[in-house]
Amino acid sequence: MELLCLYQPKDIQAGSANMTLKTLKLSWGEATSAETKIYVDASIYNPNNYPITIKKINYAVEMNGIRTGEGVAYNQAVIEAKTDRNVSFTANMNNTMLND
């Protein structure tokens, strides 16, 4: 089941590199009483004339103004110049932060 979808492109800046987040899809993963996994699939376009190497992705999960998760996903990917690539990672949400 999809949790969130973004289909409106969004320009993003990572250091000195510009990129375009074309789509973002989140879906629920395995859940325990302690945590829930969120699977993230992003399509990123590199408009630059040089490749961009993504070494890590910092993320934060917020629900109703409460930060329920944050961390770093290490998933190295190279996005060649003038191309797009899907980048996937798993985020973790701390279920103990949720109010019944």
PDB file of N, CA and C in Angstrom:
ATOM      1  N   MET A   1       0.834  -1.169   0.000  1.00  0.00           N
ATOM      2  CA  MET A   1       0.000   0.000   0.000  1.00  0.00           C
ATOM      3  C   MET A   1       0.885   1.241   0.000  1.00  0.00           C
ATOM      4  N   GLU A   2       0.612   2.152  -0.941  1.00  0.00           N
ATOM      5  CA  GLU A   2       1.413   3.375  -1.007  1.00  0.00           C
ATOM      6  C   GLU A   2       1.043   4.312   0.126  1.00  0.00           C
ATOM      7  N   LEU A   3       2.048   4.934   0.672  1.00  0.00           N
ATOM      8  CA  LEU A   3       1.903   5.866   1.768  1.00  0.00           C
ATOM      9  C   LEU A   3       1.834   7.294   1.249  1.00  0.00           C
ATOM     10  N   LEU A   4       2.679   7.602   0.265  1.00  0.00           N
ATOM     11  CA  LEU A   4       2.765   8.950  -0.277  1.00  0.00           C
ATOM     12  C   LEU A   4       3.351   8.873  -1.669  1.00  0.00           C
ATOM     13  N   CYS A   5       2.876   9.727  -2.538  1.00  0.00           N
ATOM     14  CA  CYS A   5       3.445   9.822  -3.881  1.00  0.00           C
ATOM     15  C   CYS A   5       3.630  11.283  -4.230  1.00  0.00           C
ATOM     16  N   LEU A   6       4.750  11.602  -4.822  1.00  0.00           N
ATOM     17  CA  LEU A   6       5.029  12.944  -5.323  1.00  0.00           C
ATOM     18  C   LEU A   6       5.272  12.813  -6.812  1.00  0.00           C
ATOM     19  N   TYR A   7       4.440  13.466  -7.600  1.00  0.00           N
ATOM     20  CA  TYR A   7       4.604  13.400  -9.041  1.00  0.00           C
ATOM     21  C   TYR A   7       4.934  14.763  -9.635  1.00  0.00           C
ATOM     22  N   GLN A   8       5.028  15.786  -8.806  1.00  0.00           N
ATOM     23  CA  GLN A   8       5.421  17.110  -9.268  1.00  0.00           C
ATOM     24  C   GLN A   8       6.933  17.228  -9.093  1.00  0.00           C
ATOM     25  N   PRO A   9       7.672  17.449 -10.166  1.00  0.00           N
ATOM     26  CA  PRO A   9       9.127  17.570 -10.026  1.00  0.00           C
ATOM     27  C   PRO A   9       9.502  18.688  -9.048  1.00  0.00           C
ATOM     28  N   LYS A  10      10.577  18.441  -8.319  1.00  0.00           N
ATOM     29  CA  LYS A  10      11.057  19.409  -7.329  1.00  0.00           C
ATOM     30  C   LYS A  10      12.565  19.516  -7.457  1.00  0.00           C
ATOM     31  N   ASP A  11      13.064  20.736  -7.656  1.00  0.00           N
ATOM     32  CA  ASP A  11      14.509  20.946  -7.733  1.00  0.00           C
ATOM     33  C   ASP A  11      15.101  20.846  -6.338  1.00  0.00           C
ATOM     34  N   ILE A  12      16.225  20.146  -6.246  1.00  0.00           N
ATOM     35  CA  ILE A  12      16.912  19.995  -4.965  1.00  0.00           C
ATOM     36  C   ILE A  12      18.387  20.316  -5.149  1.00  0.00           C
ATOM     37  N   GLN A  13      19.016  20.724  -4.083  1.00  0.00           N
ATOM     38  CA  GLN A  13      20.429  21.084  -4.071  1.00  0.00           C
ATOM     39  C   GLN A  13      21.143  20.161  -3.102  1.00  0.00           C
ATOM     40  N   ALA A  14      22.227  19.554  -3.532  1.00  0.00           N
ATOM     41  CA  ALA A  14      23.055  18.709  -2.677  1.00  0.00           C
ATOM     42  C   ALA A  14      24.489  19.167  -2.843  1.00  0.00           C
ATOM     43  N   GLY A  15      24.968  19.938  -1.892  1.00  0.00           N
ATOM     44  CA  GLY A  15      26.288  20.538  -2.049  1.00  0.00           C
ATOM     45  C   GLY A  15      26.243  21.519  -3.202  1.00  0.00           C
ATOM     46  N   SER A  16      27.133  21.363  -4.165  1.00  0.00           N
ATOM     47  CA  SER A  16      27.158  22.259  -5.320  1.00  0.00           C
ATOM     48  C   SER A  16      26.374  21.699  -6.507  1.00  0.00           C
ATOM     49  N   ALA A  17      25.802  20.521  -6.356  1.00  0.00           N
ATOM     50  CA  ALA A  17      25.082  19.877  -7.460  1.00  0.00           C
ATOM     51  C   ALA A  17      23.585  20.164  -7.401  1.00  0.00           C
ATOM     52  N   ASN A  18      23.027  20.446  -8.559  1.00  0.00           N
ATOM     53  CA  ASN A  18      21.579  20.590  -8.693  1.00  0.00           C
ATOM     54  C   ASN A  18      21.026  19.282  -9.224  1.00  0.00           C
ATOM     55  N   MET A  19      19.852  18.900  -8.730  1.00  0.00           N
ATOM     56  CA  MET A  19      19.164  17.707  -9.206  1.00  0.00           C
ATOM     57  C   MET A  19      17.677  17.992  -9.211  1.00  0.00           C
ATOM     58  N   THR A  20      16.936  17.130  -9.884  1.00  0.00           N
ATOM     59  CA  THR A  20      15.478  17.246  -9.869  1.00  0.00           C
ATOM     60  C   THR A  20      14.889  15.938  -9.369  1.00  0.00           C
ATOM     61  N   LEU A  21      14.124  16.033  -8.301  1.00  0.00           N
ATOM     62  CA  LEU A  21      13.392  14.886  -7.795  1.00  0.00           C
ATOM     63  C   LEU A  21      12.136  14.778  -8.643  1.00  0.00           C
ATOM     64  N   LYS A  22      12.097  13.786  -9.537  1.00  0.00           N
ATOM     65  CA  LYS A  22      10.979  13.654 -10.475  1.00  0.00           C
ATOM     66  C   LYS A  22       9.769  12.988  -9.832  1.00  0.00           C
ATOM     67  N   THR A  23      10.002  11.889  -9.147  1.00  0.00           N
ATOM     68  CA  THR A  23       8.925  11.213  -8.428  1.00  0.00           C
ATOM     69  C   THR A  23       9.464  10.668  -7.119  1.00  0.00           C
ATOM     70  N   LEU A  24       8.571  10.541  -6.158  1.00  0.00           N
ATOM     71  CA  LEU A  24       8.905   9.980  -4.854  1.00  0.00           C
ATOM     72  C   LEU A  24       7.734   9.119  -4.425  1.00  0.00           C
ATOM     73  N   LYS A  25       8.006   7.850  -4.164  1.00  0.00           N
ATOM     74  CA  LYS A  25       6.961   6.921  -3.736  1.00  0.00           C
ATOM     75  C   LYS A  25       7.394   6.278  -2.424  1.00  0.00           C
ATOM     76  N   LEU A  26       6.512   6.309  -1.456  1.00  0.00           N
ATOM     77  CA  LEU A  26       6.752   5.683  -0.163  1.00  0.00           C
ATOM     78  C   LEU A  26       5.692   4.618   0.060  1.00  0.00           C
ATOM     79  N   SER A  27       6.102   3.498   0.635  1.00  0.00           N
ATOM     80  CA  SER A  27       5.146   2.448   0.964  1.00  0.00           C
ATOM     81  C   SER A  27       5.527   1.825   2.299  1.00  0.00           C
ATOM     82  N   TRP A  28       4.506   1.310   2.982  1.00  0.00           N
ATOM     83  CA  TRP A  28       4.714   0.683   4.280  1.00  0.00           C
ATOM     84  C   TRP A  28       5.480  -0.619   4.118  1.00  0.00           C
ATOM     85  N   GLY A  29       6.332  -0.895   5.082  1.00  0.00           N
ATOM     86  CA  GLY A  29       7.059  -2.153   5.129  1.00  0.00           C
ATOM     87  C   GLY A  29       6.689  -2.914   6.377  1.00  0.00           C
ATOM     88  N   GLU A  30       7.576  -3.764   6.822  1.00  0.00           N
ATOM     89  CA  GLU A  30       7.353  -4.590   8.006  1.00  0.00           C
ATOM     90  C   GLU A  30       7.182  -3.714   9.240  1.00  0.00           C
ATOM     91  N   ALA A  31       6.222  -4.083  10.087  1.00  0.00           N
ATOM     92  CA  ALA A  31       5.963  -3.319  11.311  1.00  0.00           C
ATOM     93  C   ALA A  31       6.060  -4.234  12.530  1.00  0.00           C
ATOM     94  N   THR A  32       6.685  -3.720  13.573  1.00  0.00           N
ATOM     95  CA  THR A  32       6.716  -4.381  14.870  1.00  0.00           C
ATOM     96  C   THR A  32       6.214  -3.366  15.885  1.00  0.00           C
ATOM     97  N   SER A  33       6.151  -3.745  17.141  1.00  0.00           N
ATOM     98  CA  SER A  33       5.716  -2.786  18.157  1.00  0.00           C
ATOM     99  C   SER A  33       6.741  -1.665  18.328  1.00  0.00           C
ATOM    100  N   ALA A  34       7.987  -1.907  17.951  1.00  0.00           N
ATOM    101  CA  ALA A  34       9.044  -0.918  18.125  1.00  0.00           C
ATOM    102  C   ALA A  34       9.232  -0.003  16.919  1.00  0.00           C
ATOM    103  N   GLU A  35       9.117  -0.564  15.703  1.00  0.00           N
ATOM    104  CA  GLU A  35       9.377   0.264  14.527  1.00  0.00           C
ATOM    105  C   GLU A  35       8.609  -0.217  13.305  1.00  0.00           C
ATOM    106  N   THR A  36       8.479   0.695  12.358  1.00  0.00           N
ATOM    107  CA  THR A  36       7.874   0.384  11.062  1.00  0.00           C
ATOM    108  C   THR A  36       8.845   0.804   9.977  1.00  0.00           C
ATOM    109  N   LYS A  37       9.055  -0.064   9.022  1.00  0.00           N
ATOM    110  CA  LYS A  37       9.914   0.267   7.886  1.00  0.00           C
ATOM    111  C   LYS A  37       9.084   0.992   6.835  1.00  0.00           C
ATOM    112  N   ILE A  38       9.696   1.988   6.208  1.00  0.00           N
ATOM    113  CA  ILE A  38       9.084   2.717   5.110  1.00  0.00           C
ATOM    114  C   ILE A  38      10.018   2.575   3.921  1.00  0.00           C
ATOM    115  N   TYR A  39       9.497   2.000   2.839  1.00  0.00           N
ATOM    116  CA  TYR A  39      10.290   1.824   1.631  1.00  0.00           C
ATOM    117  C   TYR A  39      10.145   3.063   0.760  1.00  0.00           C
ATOM    118  N   VAL A  40      11.274   3.614   0.354  1.00  0.00           N
ATOM    119  CA  VAL A  40      11.300   4.855  -0.413  1.00  0.00           C
ATOM    120  C   VAL A  40      11.925   4.572  -1.781  1.00  0.00           C
ATOM    121  N   ASP A  41      11.247   5.030  -2.824  1.00  0.00           N
ATOM    122  CA  ASP A  41      11.748   4.897  -4.190  1.00  0.00           C
ATOM    123  C   ASP A  41      11.679   6.278  -4.832  1.00  0.00           C
ATOM    124  N   ALA A  42      12.823   6.815  -5.199  1.00  0.00           N
ATOM    125  CA  ALA A  42      12.892   8.160  -5.779  1.00  0.00           C
ATOM    126  C   ALA A  42      13.488   8.102  -7.170  1.00  0.00           C
ATOM    127  N   SER A  43      12.891   8.847  -8.090  1.00  0.00           N
ATOM    128  CA  SER A  43      13.449   9.010  -9.429  1.00  0.00           C
ATOM    129  C   SER A  43      14.100  10.389  -9.465  1.00  0.00           C
ATOM    130  N   ILE A  44      15.413  10.423  -9.676  1.00  0.00           N
ATOM    131  CA  ILE A  44      16.183  11.664  -9.618  1.00  0.00           C
ATOM    132  C   ILE A  44      16.839  11.920 -10.968  1.00  0.00           C
ATOM    133  N   TYR A  45      16.689  13.144 -11.462  1.00  0.00           N
ATOM    134  CA  TYR A  45      17.281  13.553 -12.730  1.00  0.00           C
ATOM    135  C   TYR A  45      18.505  14.418 -12.460  1.00  0.00           C
ATOM    136  N   ASN A  46      19.584  14.160 -13.184  1.00  0.00           N
ATOM    137  CA  ASN A  46      20.816  14.940 -13.086  1.00  0.00           C
ATOM    138  C   ASN A  46      20.926  15.852 -14.311  1.00  0.00           C
ATOM    139  N   PRO A  47      20.644  17.156 -14.170  1.00  0.00           N
ATOM    140  CA  PRO A  47      20.701  18.057 -15.309  1.00  0.00           C
ATOM    141  C   PRO A  47      22.118  18.560 -15.620  1.00  0.00           C
ATOM    142  N   ASN A  48      23.070  18.188 -14.804  1.00  0.00           N
ATOM    143  CA  ASN A  48      24.437  18.680 -14.940  1.00  0.00           C
ATOM    144  C   ASN A  48      25.181  17.965 -16.067  1.00  0.00           C
ATOM    145  N   ASN A  49      26.326  18.517 -16.442  1.00  0.00           N
ATOM    146  CA  ASN A  49      27.185  17.937 -17.476  1.00  0.00           C
ATOM    147  C   ASN A  49      28.211  16.975 -16.896  1.00  0.00           C
ATOM    148  N   TYR A  50      28.003  16.560 -15.667  1.00  0.00           N
ATOM    149  CA  TYR A  50      28.917  15.638 -14.991  1.00  0.00           C
ATOM    150  C   TYR A  50      28.095  14.674 -14.139  1.00  0.00           C
ATOM    151  N   PRO A  51      28.626  13.482 -13.875  1.00  0.00           N
ATOM    152  CA  PRO A  51      27.887  12.522 -13.040  1.00  0.00           C
ATOM    153  C   PRO A  51      27.864  12.968 -11.581  1.00  0.00           C
ATOM    154  N   ILE A  52      26.841  12.547 -10.880  1.00  0.00           N
ATOM    155  CA  ILE A  52      26.719  12.825  -9.449  1.00  0.00           C
ATOM    156  C   ILE A  52      26.709  11.484  -8.717  1.00  0.00           C
ATOM    157  N   THR A  53      27.544  11.376  -7.693  1.00  0.00           N
ATOM    158  CA  THR A  53      27.572  10.175  -6.866  1.00  0.00           C
ATOM    159  C   THR A  53      26.846  10.466  -5.565  1.00  0.00           C
ATOM    160  N   ILE A  54      25.825   9.680  -5.305  1.00  0.00           N
ATOM    161  CA  ILE A  54      25.104   9.773  -4.033  1.00  0.00           C
ATOM    162  C   ILE A  54      25.678   8.690  -3.132  1.00  0.00           C
ATOM    163  N   LYS A  55      26.215   9.100  -1.986  1.00  0.00           N
ATOM    164  CA  LYS A  55      26.812   8.144  -1.055  1.00  0.00           C
ATOM    165  C   LYS A  55      25.902   7.846   0.123  1.00  0.00           C
ATOM    166  N   LYS A  56      25.108   8.832   0.521  1.00  0.00           N
ATOM    167  CA  LYS A  56      24.198   8.621   1.641  1.00  0.00           C
ATOM    168  C   LYS A  56      23.024   9.580   1.504  1.00  0.00           C
ATOM    169  N   ILE A  57      21.943   9.207   2.147  1.00  0.00           N
ATOM    170  CA  ILE A  57      20.737  10.029   2.144  1.00  0.00           C
ATOM    171  C   ILE A  57      20.309  10.234   3.584  1.00  0.00           C
ATOM    172  N   ASN A  58      20.249  11.478   4.007  1.00  0.00           N
ATOM    173  CA  ASN A  58      19.738  11.805   5.334  1.00  0.00           C
ATOM    174  C   ASN A  58      18.220  11.918   5.230  1.00  0.00           C
ATOM    175  N   TYR A  59      17.511  11.352   6.186  1.00  0.00           N
ATOM    176  CA  TYR A  59      16.053  11.427   6.142  1.00  0.00           C
ATOM    177  C   TYR A  59      15.484  11.739   7.519  1.00  0.00           C
ATOM    178  N   ALA A  60      14.278  12.269   7.519  1.00  0.00           N
ATOM    179  CA  ALA A  60      13.507  12.489   8.738  1.00  0.00           C
ATOM    180  C   ALA A  60      12.064  12.106   8.450  1.00  0.00           C
ATOM    181  N   VAL A  61      11.423  11.455   9.412  1.00  0.00           N
ATOM    182  CA  VAL A  61      10.023  11.071   9.296  1.00  0.00           C
ATOM    183  C   VAL A  61       9.258  11.877  10.340  1.00  0.00           C
ATOM    184  N   GLU A  62       8.246  12.593   9.876  1.00  0.00           N
ATOM    185  CA  GLU A  62       7.448  13.406  10.779  1.00  0.00           C
ATOM    186  C   GLU A  62       5.979  13.108  10.547  1.00  0.00           C
ATOM    187  N   MET A  63       5.236  12.942  11.634  1.00  0.00           N
ATOM    188  CA  MET A  63       3.795  12.720  11.546  1.00  0.00           C
ATOM    189  C   MET A  63       3.110  13.648  12.531  1.00  0.00           C
ATOM    190  N   ASN A  64       2.189  14.457  12.030  1.00  0.00           N
ATOM    191  CA  ASN A  64       1.445  15.405  12.862  1.00  0.00           C
ATOM    192  C   ASN A  64       2.378  16.272  13.702  1.00  0.00           C
ATOM    193  N   GLY A  65       3.473  16.701  13.100  1.00  0.00           N
ATOM    194  CA  GLY A  65       4.412  17.573  13.783  1.00  0.00           C
ATOM    195  C   GLY A  65       5.335  16.884  14.766  1.00  0.00           C
ATOM    196  N   ILE A  66       5.282  15.559  14.845  1.00  0.00           N
ATOM    197  CA  ILE A  66       6.138  14.805  15.770  1.00  0.00           C
ATOM    198  C   ILE A  66       7.157  14.026  14.955  1.00  0.00           C
ATOM    199  N   ARG A  67       8.425  14.224  15.265  1.00  0.00           N
ATOM    200  CA  ARG A  67       9.481  13.484  14.573  1.00  0.00           C
ATOM    201  C   ARG A  67       9.496  12.058  15.105  1.00  0.00           C
ATOM    202  N   THR A  68       9.165  11.131  14.220  1.00  0.00           N
ATOM    203  CA  THR A  68       9.076   9.724  14.612  1.00  0.00           C
ATOM    204  C   THR A  68      10.236   8.893  14.071  1.00  0.00           C
ATOM    205  N   GLY A  69      11.105   9.530  13.347  1.00  0.00           N
ATOM    206  CA  GLY A  69      12.257   8.804  12.831  1.00  0.00           C
ATOM    207  C   GLY A  69      13.208   9.730  12.104  1.00  0.00           C
ATOM    208  N   GLU A  70      14.469   9.380  12.143  1.00  0.00           N
ATOM    209  CA  GLU A  70      15.485  10.093  11.383  1.00  0.00           C
ATOM    210  C   GLU A  70      16.702   9.196  11.303  1.00  0.00           C
ATOM    211  N   GLY A  71      17.489   9.421  10.290  1.00  0.00           N
ATOM    212  CA  GLY A  71      18.673   8.603  10.144  1.00  0.00           C
ATOM    213  C   GLY A  71      19.380   8.848   8.832  1.00  0.00           C
ATOM    214  N   VAL A  72      20.278   7.943   8.529  1.00  0.00           N
ATOM    215  CA  VAL A  72      21.071   8.016   7.305  1.00  0.00           C
ATOM    216  C   VAL A  72      20.980   6.663   6.612  1.00  0.00           C
ATOM    217  N   ALA A  73      20.672   6.702   5.339  1.00  0.00           N
ATOM    218  CA  ALA A  73      20.649   5.484   4.524  1.00  0.00           C
ATOM    219  C   ALA A  73      21.875   5.513   3.623  1.00  0.00           C
ATOM    220  N   TYR A  74      22.677   4.468   3.703  1.00  0.00           N
ATOM    221  CA  TYR A  74      23.867   4.373   2.870  1.00  0.00           C
ATOM    222  C   TYR A  74      23.541   3.490   1.674  1.00  0.00           C
ATOM    223  N   ASN A  75      23.442   4.118   0.525  1.00  0.00           N
ATOM    224  CA  ASN A  75      23.096   3.402  -0.699  1.00  0.00           C
ATOM    225  C   ASN A  75      23.757   4.145  -1.852  1.00  0.00           C
ATOM    226  N   GLN A  76      24.971   3.763  -2.184  1.00  0.00           N
ATOM    227  CA  GLN A  76      25.710   4.493  -3.210  1.00  0.00           C
ATOM    228  C   GLN A  76      25.098   4.282  -4.586  1.00  0.00           C
ATOM    229  N   ALA A  77      24.909   5.395  -5.283  1.00  0.00           N
ATOM    230  CA  ALA A  77      24.372   5.357  -6.645  1.00  0.00           C
ATOM    231  C   ALA A  77      25.022   6.474  -7.442  1.00  0.00           C
ATOM    232  N   VAL A  78      25.283   6.220  -8.705  1.00  0.00           N
ATOM    233  CA  VAL A  78      25.831   7.230  -9.608  1.00  0.00           C
ATOM    234  C   VAL A  78      24.741   7.591 -10.607  1.00  0.00           C
ATOM    235  N   ILE A  79      24.473   8.888 -10.713  1.00  0.00           N
ATOM    236  CA  ILE A  79      23.515   9.371 -11.703  1.00  0.00           C
ATOM    237  C   ILE A  79      24.322  10.069 -12.782  1.00  0.00           C
ATOM    238  N   GLU A  80      24.352   9.461 -13.948  1.00  0.00           N
ATOM    239  CA  GLU A  80      25.142  10.019 -15.051  1.00  0.00           C
ATOM    240  C   GLU A  80      24.567  11.362 -15.498  1.00  0.00           C
ATOM    241  N   ALA A  81      25.390  12.154 -16.171  1.00  0.00           N
ATOM    242  CA  ALA A  81      24.979  13.472 -16.666  1.00  0.00           C
ATOM    243  C   ALA A  81      23.772  13.351 -17.588  1.00  0.00           C
ATOM    244  N   LYS A  82      22.834  14.265 -17.408  1.00  0.00           N
ATOM    245  CA  LYS A  82      21.648  14.371 -18.274  1.00  0.00           C
ATOM    246  C   LYS A  82      20.793  13.102 -18.305  1.00  0.00           C
ATOM    247  N   THR A  83      20.804  12.326 -17.216  1.00  0.00           N
ATOM    248  CA  THR A  83      19.974  11.122 -17.133  1.00  0.00           C
ATOM    249  C   THR A  83      19.252  11.095 -15.795  1.00  0.00           C
ATOM    250  N   ASP A  84      18.286  10.180 -15.684  1.00  0.00           N
ATOM    251  CA  ASP A  84      17.642   9.992 -14.394  1.00  0.00           C
ATOM    252  C   ASP A  84      17.847   8.557 -13.941  1.00  0.00           C
ATOM    253  N   ARG A  85      17.694   8.366 -12.641  1.00  0.00           N
ATOM    254  CA  ARG A  85      17.933   7.052 -12.056  1.00  0.00           C
ATOM    255  C   ARG A  85      17.027   6.885 -10.845  1.00  0.00           C
ATOM    256  N   ASN A  86      16.576   5.662 -10.632  1.00  0.00           N
ATOM    257  CA  ASN A  86      15.831   5.353  -9.423  1.00  0.00           C
ATOM    258  C   ASN A  86      16.806   5.056  -8.297  1.00  0.00           C
ATOM    259  N   VAL A  87      16.534   5.656  -7.150  1.00  0.00           N
ATOM    260  CA  VAL A  87      17.329   5.429  -5.947  1.00  0.00           C
ATOM    261  C   VAL A  87      16.352   4.968  -4.872  1.00  0.00           C
ATOM    262  N   SER A  88      16.629   3.823  -4.279  1.00  0.00           N
ATOM    263  CA  SER A  88      15.742   3.266  -3.261  1.00  0.00           C
ATOM    264  C   SER A  88      16.475   3.114  -1.945  1.00  0.00           C
ATOM    265  N   PHE A  89      15.735   3.280  -0.847  1.00  0.00           N
ATOM    266  CA  PHE A  89      16.289   3.034   0.478  1.00  0.00           C
ATOM    267  C   PHE A  89      15.149   2.763   1.445  1.00  0.00           C
ATOM    268  N   THR A  90      15.485   2.329   2.645  1.00  0.00           N
ATOM    269  CA  THR A  90      14.499   2.037   3.671  1.00  0.00           C
ATOM    270  C   THR A  90      14.702   2.997   4.836  1.00  0.00           C
ATOM    271  N   ALA A  91      13.617   3.646   5.252  1.00  0.00           N
ATOM    272  CA  ALA A  91      13.627   4.520   6.423  1.00  0.00           C
ATOM    273  C   ALA A  91      12.939   3.772   7.562  1.00  0.00           C
ATOM    274  N   ASN A  92      13.283   4.111   8.780  1.00  0.00           N
ATOM    275  CA  ASN A  92      12.683   3.466   9.943  1.00  0.00           C
ATOM    276  C   ASN A  92      11.929   4.492  10.778  1.00  0.00           C
ATOM    277  N   MET A  93      10.706   4.129  11.166  1.00  0.00           N
ATOM    278  CA  MET A  93       9.883   4.989  11.997  1.00  0.00           C
ATOM    279  C   MET A  93       9.792   4.354  13.379  1.00  0.00           C
ATOM    280  N   ASN A  94      10.038   5.142  14.420  1.00  0.00           N
ATOM    281  CA  ASN A  94       9.997   4.688  15.799  1.00  0.00           C
ATOM    282  C   ASN A  94       8.537   4.690  16.271  1.00  0.00           C
ATOM    283  N   ASN A  95       7.938   3.521  16.392  1.00  0.00           N
ATOM    284  CA  ASN A  95       6.530   3.420  16.773  1.00  0.00           C
ATOM    285  C   ASN A  95       6.250   3.858  18.211  1.00  0.00           C
ATOM    286  N   THR A  96       7.261   3.873  19.051  1.00  0.00           N
ATOM    287  CA  THR A  96       7.025   4.304  20.436  1.00  0.00           C
ATOM    288  C   THR A  96       6.750   5.794  20.522  1.00  0.00           C
ATOM    289  N   MET A  97       7.030   6.533  19.451  1.00  0.00           N
ATOM    290  CA  MET A  97       6.763   7.980  19.417  1.00  0.00           C
ATOM    291  C   MET A  97       5.322   8.280  19.020  1.00  0.00           C
ATOM    292  N   LEU A  98       4.579   7.269  18.570  1.00  0.00           N
ATOM    293  CA  LEU A  98       3.204   7.474  18.130  1.00  0.00           C
ATOM    294  C   LEU A  98       2.255   7.448  19.319  1.00  0.00           C
ATOM    295  N   ASN A  99       1.267   8.308  19.289  1.00  0.00           N
ATOM    296  CA  ASN A  99       0.261   8.370  20.320  1.00  0.00           C
ATOM    297  C   ASN A  99      -0.874   7.426  19.957  1.00  0.00           C
ATOM    298  N   ASP A 100      -1.317   6.604  20.887  1.00  0.00           N
ATOM    299  CA  ASP A 100      -2.421   5.684  20.610  1.00  0.00           C
ATOM    300  C   ASP A 100      -3.654   6.468  20.232  1.00  0.00           C
TER     301      ASP A 100
END
